[in-house]
Protein backbone atom coordinates (compact mmCIF):
# COMPACT_ATOMS: atom_id res chain seq x y z
CA UNK A 1 -6.56 30.63 4.48
CA UNK A 2 -3.44 30.67 6.67
CA UNK A 3 -1.22 27.68 7.53
CA UNK A 4 -0.09 27.72 11.06
CA UNK A 5 1.42 24.18 11.20
CA UNK A 6 5.11 23.43 11.88
CA UNK A 7 7.23 21.84 9.11
CA UNK A 8 6.51 18.23 8.41
CA UNK A 9 9.19 15.72 9.64
CA UNK A 10 8.29 12.26 8.29
CA UNK A 11 10.70 10.58 10.71
CA UNK A 12 8.27 11.45 13.48
CA UNK A 13 5.28 9.63 11.97
CA UNK A 14 2.83 8.55 13.11
CA UNK A 15 2.24 11.83 14.90
CA UNK A 16 -1.31 11.05 16.04
CA UNK A 17 -2.15 9.22 19.15
CA UNK A 18 -4.21 6.02 18.52
CA UNK A 19 -8.02 6.56 19.06
CA UNK A 20 -10.06 4.70 21.37
CA UNK A 21 -10.43 1.02 20.20
CA UNK A 22 -13.76 0.52 18.39
CA UNK A 23 -15.05 -2.20 16.03
CA UNK A 24 -12.79 -2.21 12.98
CA UNK A 25 -10.58 0.50 14.42
CA UNK A 26 -7.41 -0.61 16.19
CA UNK A 27 -3.71 -0.62 15.69
CA UNK A 28 -2.34 -2.83 13.00
CA UNK A 29 1.35 -3.19 12.49
CA UNK A 30 1.83 -3.72 8.82
CA UNK A 31 5.16 -5.28 7.69
CA UNK A 32 6.19 -3.03 4.90
CA UNK A 33 8.77 -4.35 2.37
CA UNK A 34 9.24 -0.95 0.76
CA UNK A 35 9.79 0.92 3.98
CA UNK A 36 11.87 -1.86 5.52
CA UNK A 37 9.99 -1.69 8.78
CA UNK A 38 6.52 -2.13 10.33
CA UNK A 39 3.92 0.66 9.51
CA UNK A 40 1.48 1.53 12.28
CA UNK A 41 -2.02 1.62 10.85
CA UNK A 42 -5.16 2.71 12.79
CA UNK A 43 -7.42 0.17 11.13
CA UNK A 44 -7.49 -2.94 9.09
CA UNK A 45 -8.80 -0.99 6.07
CA UNK A 46 -5.63 1.21 6.30
CA UNK A 47 -3.46 -1.92 6.22
CA UNK A 48 -5.41 -2.96 3.11
CA UNK A 49 -4.38 0.36 1.50
CA UNK A 50 -0.76 -0.54 2.39
CA UNK A 51 -1.08 -3.80 0.33
CA UNK A 52 -1.95 -1.56 -2.66
CA UNK A 53 0.89 0.79 -1.93
CA UNK A 54 3.28 -2.11 -1.79
CA UNK A 55 1.95 -3.58 -5.17
CA UNK A 56 1.95 -0.33 -7.11
CA UNK A 57 5.38 0.09 -8.75
CA UNK A 58 5.01 3.91 -8.88
CA UNK A 59 5.14 4.11 -5.05
CA UNK A 60 8.54 4.50 -3.53
CA UNK A 61 7.68 4.94 0.21
CA UNK A 62 4.75 5.88 2.29
CA UNK A 63 4.02 7.10 5.94
CA UNK A 64 1.00 6.87 8.14
CA UNK A 65 -0.33 9.88 10.12
CA UNK A 66 2.63 11.88 8.83
CA UNK A 67 1.71 15.41 10.20
CA UNK A 68 -0.92 17.37 11.92
CA UNK A 69 -1.92 20.54 10.05
CA UNK A 70 -3.42 23.60 11.51
CA UNK A 71 -5.00 26.24 9.38
CA UNK A 72 -7.78 28.93 9.28
CA UNK A 73 -10.54 28.80 6.62
CA UNK A 74 -13.25 31.42 6.66
CA UNK A 75 -12.38 32.34 10.27
CA UNK A 76 -12.70 28.69 11.48
CA UNK A 77 -9.69 26.89 12.78
CA UNK A 78 -8.96 23.43 11.68
CA UNK A 79 -6.68 20.58 12.79
CA UNK A 80 -6.25 17.52 10.66
CA UNK A 81 -3.88 14.56 10.26
CA UNK A 82 -4.04 12.77 6.95
CA UNK A 83 -3.94 8.92 7.18
CA UNK A 84 -1.07 8.75 4.58
CA UNK A 85 1.54 10.61 2.83
CA UNK A 86 2.75 8.68 -0.28
CA UNK A 87 6.07 9.43 -2.17
CA UNK A 88 6.17 8.44 -5.69
CA UNK A 89 9.28 7.46 -7.85
CA UNK A 90 8.64 10.48 -10.17
CA UNK A 91 9.31 12.80 -7.25
CA UNK A 92 5.63 13.53 -6.83
CA UNK A 93 3.66 12.82 -3.69
CA UNK A 94 0.11 12.96 -2.17
CA UNK A 95 -1.84 12.82 1.00
CA UNK A 96 -4.65 10.36 1.47
CA UNK A 97 -7.66 9.83 3.79
CA UNK A 98 -8.98 6.21 4.09
CA UNK A 99 -12.49 5.63 5.40
CA UNK A 100 -14.98 2.74 5.06
CA UNK A 101 -17.72 5.07 3.61
CA UNK A 102 -17.49 8.69 3.30
CA UNK A 103 -21.16 9.05 2.85
CA UNK A 104 -21.52 7.93 6.47
CA UNK A 105 -19.13 10.42 7.85
CA UNK A 106 -20.33 13.34 10.11
CA UNK A 107 -20.88 16.50 8.33
CA UNK A 108 -18.17 18.26 10.52
CA UNK A 109 -15.67 15.61 9.27
CA UNK A 110 -16.61 16.13 5.62
CA UNK A 111 -16.38 19.99 6.12
CA UNK A 112 -12.81 19.46 7.54
CA UNK A 113 -11.81 17.15 4.57
CA UNK A 114 -13.27 19.69 2.07
CA UNK A 115 -11.37 22.54 3.59
CA UNK A 116 -8.19 20.51 3.62
CA UNK A 117 -8.69 19.78 -0.04
CA UNK A 118 -8.89 23.51 -0.68
CA UNK A 119 -5.76 23.96 1.31
CA UNK A 120 -3.98 21.35 -0.84
CA UNK A 121 -5.14 23.09 -3.96
CA UNK A 122 -3.85 26.43 -2.72
CA UNK A 123 -0.40 24.88 -1.66
CA UNK A 124 0.11 22.76 -4.80
CA UNK A 125 -0.48 19.38 -2.90
CA UNK A 126 -2.41 16.40 -4.03
CA UNK A 127 -5.17 14.94 -1.81
CA UNK A 128 -6.91 11.56 -2.42
CA UNK A 129 -9.68 9.71 -0.63
CA UNK A 130 -10.08 5.94 -0.58
CA UNK A 131 -13.03 3.86 0.62
CA UNK A 132 -13.59 0.26 1.45
CA UNK A 133 -15.32 -0.65 -1.84
CA UNK A 134 -12.42 0.79 -3.88
CA UNK A 135 -9.79 -0.96 -1.79
CA UNK A 136 -11.08 -4.39 -0.96
CA UNK A 137 -13.90 -5.42 -3.36
CA UNK A 138 -11.97 -6.43 -6.41
CA UNK A 139 -10.69 -10.11 -6.97
CA UNK A 140 -7.39 -8.53 -7.73
CA UNK A 141 -7.03 -7.22 -4.19
CA UNK A 142 -7.83 -10.68 -2.66
CA UNK A 143 -5.01 -12.18 -4.85
CA UNK A 144 -2.37 -9.55 -4.08
CA UNK A 145 -3.25 -9.66 -0.34
CA UNK A 146 -2.60 -13.41 -0.40
CA UNK A 147 0.63 -13.06 -2.33
CA UNK A 148 1.98 -10.30 -0.01
CA UNK A 149 1.21 -12.22 3.11
CA UNK A 150 3.46 -15.06 1.77
CA UNK A 151 6.24 -12.92 0.29
CA UNK A 152 9.69 -12.17 1.66
CA UNK A 153 12.36 -9.92 0.39
CA UNK A 154 14.74 -11.70 -2.08
CA UNK A 155 18.46 -11.63 -1.32
CA UNK A 156 21.24 -11.52 -3.93
CA UNK A 157 21.73 -15.35 -3.94
CA UNK A 158 18.06 -16.05 -4.31
CA UNK A 159 17.96 -13.44 -7.19
CA UNK A 160 20.73 -15.20 -8.96
CA UNK A 161 19.26 -18.55 -8.56
CA UNK A 162 15.94 -17.37 -9.97
CA UNK A 163 17.63 -15.88 -13.08
CA UNK A 164 19.43 -19.06 -13.82
CA UNK A 165 16.37 -21.29 -13.09
CA UNK A 166 13.95 -19.21 -15.07
CA UNK A 167 16.04 -19.35 -18.22
CA UNK A 168 16.18 -23.02 -18.27
CA UNK A 169 12.61 -23.87 -17.17
CA UNK A 170 9.75 -24.56 -19.60
CA UNK A 171 7.17 -21.77 -19.41
CA UNK A 172 4.22 -21.42 -18.75
CA UNK A 173 3.63 -23.72 -15.87
CA UNK A 174 1.23 -23.89 -12.82
CA UNK A 175 1.86 -22.54 -9.43
CA UNK A 176 1.64 -26.08 -8.00
CA UNK A 177 4.28 -27.36 -10.38
CA UNK A 178 6.54 -24.42 -9.67
CA UNK A 179 6.32 -24.97 -5.86
CA UNK A 180 6.86 -28.71 -6.21
CA UNK A 181 10.01 -28.33 -8.29
CA UNK A 182 12.77 -28.84 -5.63
CA UNK A 183 15.24 -27.17 -8.19
CA UNK A 184 13.19 -24.02 -8.22
CA UNK A 185 12.94 -21.07 -5.90
CA UNK A 186 11.49 -21.35 -2.46
CA UNK A 187 7.72 -20.61 -2.00
CA UNK A 188 8.22 -17.11 -0.60
CA UNK A 189 10.36 -16.13 -3.46
CA UNK A 190 7.79 -17.44 -5.98
CA UNK A 191 5.02 -15.36 -4.23
CA UNK A 192 7.26 -12.30 -4.00
CA UNK A 193 8.03 -12.40 -7.82
CA UNK A 194 4.28 -12.86 -8.55
CA UNK A 195 3.57 -9.85 -6.45
CA UNK A 196 6.14 -7.78 -8.01
CA UNK A 197 5.29 -9.00 -11.49
CA UNK A 198 8.55 -10.71 -12.24
CA UNK A 199 6.42 -13.74 -12.75
CA UNK A 200 3.12 -13.17 -14.53
CA UNK A 201 -0.35 -14.60 -13.85
CA UNK A 202 -3.97 -13.56 -14.12
CA UNK A 203 -4.31 -12.24 -10.52
CA UNK A 204 -7.98 -11.61 -10.96
CA UNK A 205 -8.22 -15.34 -10.30
CA UNK A 206 -8.03 -17.03 -6.96
CA UNK A 207 -4.34 -18.07 -5.94
CA UNK A 208 -4.60 -21.83 -6.33
CA UNK A 209 -2.08 -24.41 -7.28
CA UNK A 210 -3.72 -24.49 -10.72
CA UNK A 211 -2.89 -20.87 -11.34
CA UNK A 212 -1.05 -20.43 -14.60
CA UNK A 213 2.32 -18.75 -14.10
CA UNK A 214 4.64 -17.44 -16.87
CA UNK A 215 8.03 -15.68 -17.31
CA UNK A 216 9.76 -13.88 -20.21
CA UNK A 217 13.20 -12.63 -20.47
CA UNK A 218 12.00 -9.02 -20.32
CA UNK A 219 11.05 -9.65 -16.63
CA UNK A 220 14.53 -10.58 -15.69
């Protein structure tokens, strides 16, 4: 197995030209807080994976269609662009392919992914696969998707206000009571702190005004 690709430059991502528009397959510009810019995804499902990458504290940054690899495996030449390259805070990283259902992929596509998996093993890289069921079927996903859509980055002034406010408020409370409190943080700050776990709640429940919200000094 011989790698013939050029070196990977993440600043050039995405490197792949958008495919022809199909049902459930079109460009989505996902507003990434971790990357500080919009991330170009090739499907709604890929943008759903971005929600998880934003939620997981181990993820530092991520890139879509980061690089096109070319290699030879058993005399057959392959070209492949992973959907994602994910950088973790522990200095590790991995590539990821996102598909609605891998069982419904063409055999040629599965052969390519299997060959890339072998290439990754040879090079010491990590390769993951994510399907629709894993990404979007859980109640937790529905909650974090709602929270992320309503979140905004918190500036220094908002952070200071939250610290002072949280130390003097009686906890737990409900989301409705927290939003209604004019002395409290604004709505987007509340959602952001729920998403980033600065405020705690059972996110396997639907996000309603009756959702129980808590805070402890260890989250400050």
